[in-house]
Amino acid sequence: MRPIVETSCAEVNRTLCDGKVSGPSIAYLHDTRNDPFNPRRGTVYSLETLLSSAALGGDSFLKTSGFIAHFEEIRAGIVIAGSGRFGVARAFGSSIELPLPERFFAGGPSVMRAFKTDEVGPGYYNAEGVFVPDGGNALVAAALEARFSLARSFGFQLFAEAGNVYATVNDIQFSDMREVAGIGLTYRSPFGPLRLDWGFKLDKRPGEDRHALHLAVGYAF
């Protein structure tokens, strides 16, 4: 008989990990972009707060996240876009920590593009040497991107990003922000932009890959 090997739910799919959300939540969205898929001007920002409580049948925690982005076409075919996002959360009462599915993560085709998906911030390496992200109770990230239109539906972009995921709100230190930069190619299809981004770490640490390649639908923000 083969021995039974237990595998952490985080290594399979973190949405399978224990966690109950009761609500309530409140959200606000403001959007003045001229085009939600290929914006050339305007601003969008959102704010969302979630309160989950054991008294309502969930884990006890408070979570707030926000996002803002602005787009400006400085001349025909050239758009400068900037974004910022944050997230803070804290467990309270009988809940010792935030449920894994409710934590903040970063890394991938939308946030910190020099990292693989969810690779930014706390985590550990399993027996196979694969990084398993733990996420955190706090997220801070910002991005600046220049988008250039080329002939026929093609374009390219230059981007720089800084950000990190922190285990707790008290751990937030702007001096510990990771820094990345990169380039990308975009094809504006009838179904929305198709994007290929190559990001590389400006502050590569021992054991990390220098760069990452991401294929995605739509712009990063």
Protein backbone atom coordinates (compact mmCIF):
# COMPACT_ATOMS: atom_id res chain seq x y z
CA MET A 1 0.00 0.00 0.00
CA ARG A 2 1.36 3.38 -0.97
CA PRO A 3 1.66 5.90 1.86
CA ILE A 4 -0.84 8.73 1.84
CA VAL A 5 0.85 12.04 1.12
CA GLU A 6 -0.98 15.15 2.26
CA THR A 7 -0.75 18.16 -0.01
CA SER A 8 -1.55 21.67 1.14
CA CYS A 9 -4.63 23.16 -0.51
CA ALA A 10 -2.47 26.19 -1.36
CA GLU A 11 -0.39 23.98 -3.66
CA VAL A 12 -3.47 22.77 -5.55
CA ASN A 13 -5.88 25.71 -5.64
CA ARG A 14 -6.15 28.26 -2.85
CA THR A 15 -9.87 28.71 -3.50
CA LEU A 16 -10.24 25.21 -2.03
CA CYS A 17 -8.72 26.31 1.29
CA ASP A 18 -10.91 26.88 4.32
CA GLY A 19 -12.53 30.27 4.55
CA LYS A 20 -16.01 31.71 5.00
CA VAL A 21 -17.14 35.19 4.00
CA SER A 22 -20.33 36.61 5.45
CA GLY A 23 -20.38 40.23 4.25
CA PRO A 24 -21.65 42.91 4.12
CA SER A 25 -19.58 44.80 1.55
CA ILE A 26 -19.76 48.21 -0.09
CA ALA A 27 -18.10 49.37 -3.31
CA TYR A 28 -17.78 52.59 -5.29
CA LEU A 29 -16.70 52.99 -8.93
CA HIS A 30 -16.06 56.18 -10.93
CA ASP A 31 -15.14 55.91 -14.61
CA THR A 32 -14.58 58.69 -17.16
CA ARG A 33 -12.50 56.69 -19.68
CA ASN A 34 -13.45 57.23 -23.30
CA ASP A 35 -13.09 53.48 -23.99
CA PRO A 36 -12.95 50.71 -21.35
CA PHE A 37 -10.90 48.38 -23.59
CA ASN A 38 -8.49 50.83 -25.22
CA PRO A 39 -8.61 54.06 -23.18
CA ARG A 40 -6.84 57.16 -24.51
CA ARG A 41 -8.02 59.62 -21.91
CA GLY A 42 -9.94 59.69 -18.65
CA THR A 43 -9.74 58.32 -15.14
CA VAL A 44 -11.14 55.32 -13.34
CA TYR A 45 -11.02 54.62 -9.64
CA SER A 46 -12.72 52.21 -7.30
CA LEU A 47 -12.90 51.50 -3.59
CA GLU A 48 -14.30 48.39 -1.92
CA THR A 49 -14.66 47.42 1.74
CA LEU A 50 -15.72 44.03 3.05
CA LEU A 51 -16.64 43.22 6.65
CA SER A 52 -16.94 39.55 7.47
CA SER A 53 -17.99 38.46 10.95
CA ALA A 54 -18.35 35.23 12.88
CA ALA A 55 -21.67 36.57 14.15
CA LEU A 56 -22.96 36.33 10.56
CA GLY A 57 -21.46 32.90 9.89
CA GLY A 58 -18.10 33.85 8.38
CA ASP A 59 -14.52 34.41 9.43
CA SER A 60 -13.96 37.71 11.21
CA PHE A 61 -11.94 40.18 9.18
CA LEU A 62 -12.06 43.64 7.64
CA LYS A 63 -10.68 44.15 4.12
CA THR A 64 -10.36 47.31 2.02
CA SER A 65 -8.89 47.68 -1.47
CA GLY A 66 -8.60 50.55 -3.90
CA PHE A 67 -7.51 51.17 -7.49
CA ILE A 68 -6.94 54.28 -9.60
CA ALA A 69 -5.74 54.76 -13.18
CA HIS A 70 -5.41 57.79 -15.45
CA PHE A 71 -4.89 57.93 -19.21
CA GLU A 72 -3.68 60.85 -21.29
CA GLU A 73 -3.08 60.94 -25.06
CA ILE A 74 -0.16 63.35 -25.27
CA ARG A 75 -0.14 63.23 -29.06
CA ALA A 76 -1.80 61.14 -31.76
CA GLY A 77 -0.99 57.48 -31.16
CA ILE A 78 0.87 57.96 -27.87
CA VAL A 79 -0.87 57.39 -24.55
CA ILE A 80 0.68 57.74 -21.11
CA ALA A 81 -1.09 55.61 -18.49
CA GLY A 82 -0.50 55.41 -14.76
CA SER A 83 -2.10 53.33 -12.05
CA GLY A 84 -1.93 52.71 -8.32
CA ARG A 85 -3.53 50.11 -6.11
CA PHE A 86 -3.57 49.25 -2.44
CA GLY A 87 -5.13 46.70 -0.15
CA VAL A 88 -5.20 46.32 3.62
CA ALA A 89 -6.90 43.68 5.75
CA ARG A 90 -6.90 42.47 9.33
CA ALA A 91 -8.48 39.52 11.12
CA PHE A 92 -10.17 40.11 14.46
CA GLY A 93 -12.10 38.33 17.16
CA SER A 94 -11.84 34.55 17.06
CA SER A 95 -10.14 34.57 13.63
CA ILE A 96 -6.37 34.25 13.98
CA GLU A 97 -5.50 35.06 10.37
CA LEU A 98 -7.06 36.07 7.09
CA PRO A 99 -8.39 33.10 5.03
CA LEU A 100 -5.96 32.29 2.22
CA PRO A 101 -8.49 32.99 -0.59
CA GLU A 102 -9.06 36.50 0.83
CA ARG A 103 -5.41 37.56 1.03
CA PHE A 104 -3.70 39.87 -1.45
CA PHE A 105 -1.44 38.54 -4.19
CA ALA A 106 0.68 40.12 -6.91
CA GLY A 107 2.72 39.00 -9.87
CA GLY A 108 1.54 38.00 -13.33
CA PRO A 109 0.18 39.70 -16.45
CA SER A 110 -1.57 42.56 -14.60
CA VAL A 111 0.54 43.47 -11.55
CA MET A 112 4.37 43.26 -11.36
CA ARG A 113 4.89 41.70 -14.78
CA ALA A 114 8.49 40.56 -14.19
CA PHE A 115 7.16 37.92 -11.78
CA LYS A 116 5.19 34.76 -12.40
CA THR A 117 1.59 34.68 -11.22
CA ASP A 118 1.31 35.42 -7.45
CA GLU A 119 5.11 35.20 -7.04
CA VAL A 120 5.50 38.55 -5.26
CA GLY A 121 5.58 38.57 -1.47
CA PRO A 122 5.49 35.88 1.23
CA GLY A 123 5.59 32.20 0.33
CA TYR A 124 7.62 29.00 0.53
CA TYR A 125 9.14 26.35 -1.73
CA ASN A 126 7.59 22.89 -1.58
CA ALA A 127 9.44 19.57 -1.84
CA GLU A 128 9.51 19.85 -5.64
CA GLY A 129 11.10 23.29 -5.46
CA VAL A 130 7.95 25.05 -6.65
CA PHE A 131 7.15 28.40 -5.03
CA VAL A 132 3.83 28.37 -3.17
CA PRO A 133 2.53 31.91 -2.43
CA ASP A 134 1.14 32.70 1.02
CA GLY A 135 -0.21 36.10 0.07
CA GLY A 136 -0.51 38.83 2.67
CA ASN A 137 -2.71 41.28 4.51
CA ALA A 138 -1.39 44.28 2.59
CA LEU A 139 -0.63 45.24 -1.00
CA VAL A 140 0.90 48.38 -2.48
CA ALA A 141 1.63 48.72 -6.20
CA ALA A 142 2.03 51.41 -8.86
CA ALA A 143 2.68 51.35 -12.61
CA LEU A 144 3.56 53.78 -15.38
CA GLU A 145 3.16 52.81 -19.03
CA ALA A 146 3.70 54.47 -22.40
CA ARG A 147 1.57 53.01 -25.20
CA PHE A 148 2.47 53.59 -28.85
CA SER A 149 0.20 52.84 -31.80
CA LEU A 150 1.81 51.34 -34.90
CA ALA A 151 0.47 50.68 -38.36
CA ARG A 152 -2.44 48.27 -38.85
CA SER A 153 -3.84 47.47 -35.35
CA PHE A 154 -0.47 46.87 -33.70
CA GLY A 155 1.16 48.74 -30.85
CA PHE A 156 3.87 48.41 -28.29
CA GLN A 157 4.33 49.58 -24.72
CA LEU A 158 7.10 50.44 -22.30
CA PHE A 159 6.32 50.01 -18.62
CA ALA A 160 7.78 50.34 -15.13
CA GLU A 161 6.24 49.05 -11.93
CA ALA A 162 6.93 49.03 -8.20
CA GLY A 163 5.09 47.14 -5.50
CA ASN A 164 5.01 44.37 -2.95
CA VAL A 165 2.77 42.15 -0.85
CA TYR A 166 3.26 42.25 2.92
CA ALA A 167 2.32 39.65 5.53
CA THR A 168 0.71 42.28 7.77
CA VAL A 169 -0.18 45.96 7.51
CA ASN A 170 2.55 46.77 10.05
CA ASP A 171 5.13 45.26 7.67
CA ILE A 172 4.55 47.86 4.95
CA GLN A 173 7.85 49.52 4.06
CA PHE A 174 8.16 51.50 0.85
CA SER A 175 11.90 50.86 0.93
CA ASP A 176 11.09 47.17 0.35
CA MET A 177 9.09 47.74 -2.84
CA ARG A 178 10.16 45.50 -5.73
CA GLU A 179 10.99 47.24 -9.01
CA VAL A 180 10.40 45.96 -12.55
CA ALA A 181 10.42 47.29 -16.11
CA GLY A 182 9.62 45.85 -19.49
CA ILE A 183 8.28 46.08 -23.01
CA GLY A 184 5.27 44.61 -24.74
CA LEU A 185 3.53 44.12 -28.06
CA THR A 186 -0.22 44.56 -28.55
CA TYR A 187 -2.58 43.50 -31.30
CA ARG A 188 -5.92 45.31 -31.20
CA SER A 189 -8.31 42.59 -32.33
CA PRO A 190 -12.10 43.00 -32.80
CA PHE A 191 -12.51 41.26 -29.43
CA GLY A 192 -10.12 43.53 -27.52
CA PRO A 193 -6.35 43.97 -27.23
CA LEU A 194 -4.18 40.85 -27.23
CA ARG A 195 -0.98 41.55 -25.33
CA LEU A 196 2.46 39.95 -24.98
CA ASP A 197 4.60 41.51 -22.22
CA TRP A 198 8.20 40.80 -21.26
CA GLY A 199 9.13 42.13 -17.81
CA PHE A 200 12.47 41.98 -16.02
CA LYS A 201 13.43 42.63 -12.42
CA LEU A 202 15.51 45.72 -11.69
CA ASP A 203 16.32 44.38 -8.21
CA LYS A 204 16.76 40.65 -8.85
CA ARG A 205 17.44 38.65 -5.69
CA PRO A 206 19.36 35.37 -5.32
CA GLY A 207 17.42 32.39 -6.65
CA GLU A 208 15.00 34.47 -8.71
CA ASP A 209 14.54 34.42 -12.46
CA ARG A 210 15.58 37.63 -14.15
CA HIS A 211 12.47 37.97 -16.33
CA ALA A 212 8.99 36.67 -17.11
CA LEU A 213 6.85 36.55 -20.26
CA HIS A 214 3.07 36.97 -20.14
CA LEU A 215 0.35 36.57 -22.75
CA ALA A 216 -2.97 38.19 -21.85
CA VAL A 217 -6.19 39.68 -23.18
CA GLY A 218 -6.60 43.41 -22.59
CA TYR A 219 -4.19 45.94 -21.18
CA ALA A 220 -2.68 45.45 -17.71
CA PHE A 221 -4.88 48.31 -16.43
